[in-house]
Amino acid sequence: MSHYFTNNSDLESNEKDIYFKILDKEFHFLTDNGVFSKSGLDFGTRLLLETSVNKVAKRMLDFGCGYGPIGLVYKTFHSDSDVHMIDINKRATELATKNAKSMHLDVTVENKDGLGGIVNLYELILSNPPIRAGKTLLQRFLTESYDHLEDGGELVYVIHKNLGAKSSITFCEKIYKGVQVLERKSGYYIILCIK
């Protein structure tokens, strides 16, 4: 079985257009089979963006970017920010690159499994991580994010209460200087971790 958090190049392509609004701005994205939330912007990502898109950072990372909604919406609101987007799924990063080009946004998109080999430090990391990939991968994401934040930098991620929100908070409290819940809605938690 193929998952959006793997790199399956054999999956049949069926590109489609989706549309949504964030803070009264309209967005158009191209999606495809084999990527997360291909039919439209999911509730968790929407809540993350509505809660965090106004945070200002010179260097921002979209960790697990999918077809690009987090990084590209952020770049639309912060044109001066250096936005870096990564995902293990090659089809997702190809879509993110296409979407960036069609939106005339200058961002860096890379097909990568985690942050290994990246030397940059970021002021802000935003993510809807692949929770269904398992606890080990989630903890790796939380640890790698810490290692790639500047002192005082912030990680903001979304997670559902039934998929380990409280245990992820407990894990983060052992690593980060500050951890708080920024928003809670329909079972989704937006969690802020400060290095």
Foldseek 3Di string as FASTA:
>chain_A
DAALQAADPPDDWDKDKEWDDAPNDIAIFIAIPSFPPRPYDDPQLNVLCNLPLPDDWQEEEEEQQFLHPRQVSSCVVPVNHAYEYEGQYPRRLVRVVVRCVVVVHDYHYYNDDACPPPPAAIQEYEYADPLVVDDVSVLSNLVSNLVRYDQFGKYKYKDFQVSQPVVVQVSLVVPAPDKDFSDADPRMTIIMGTD
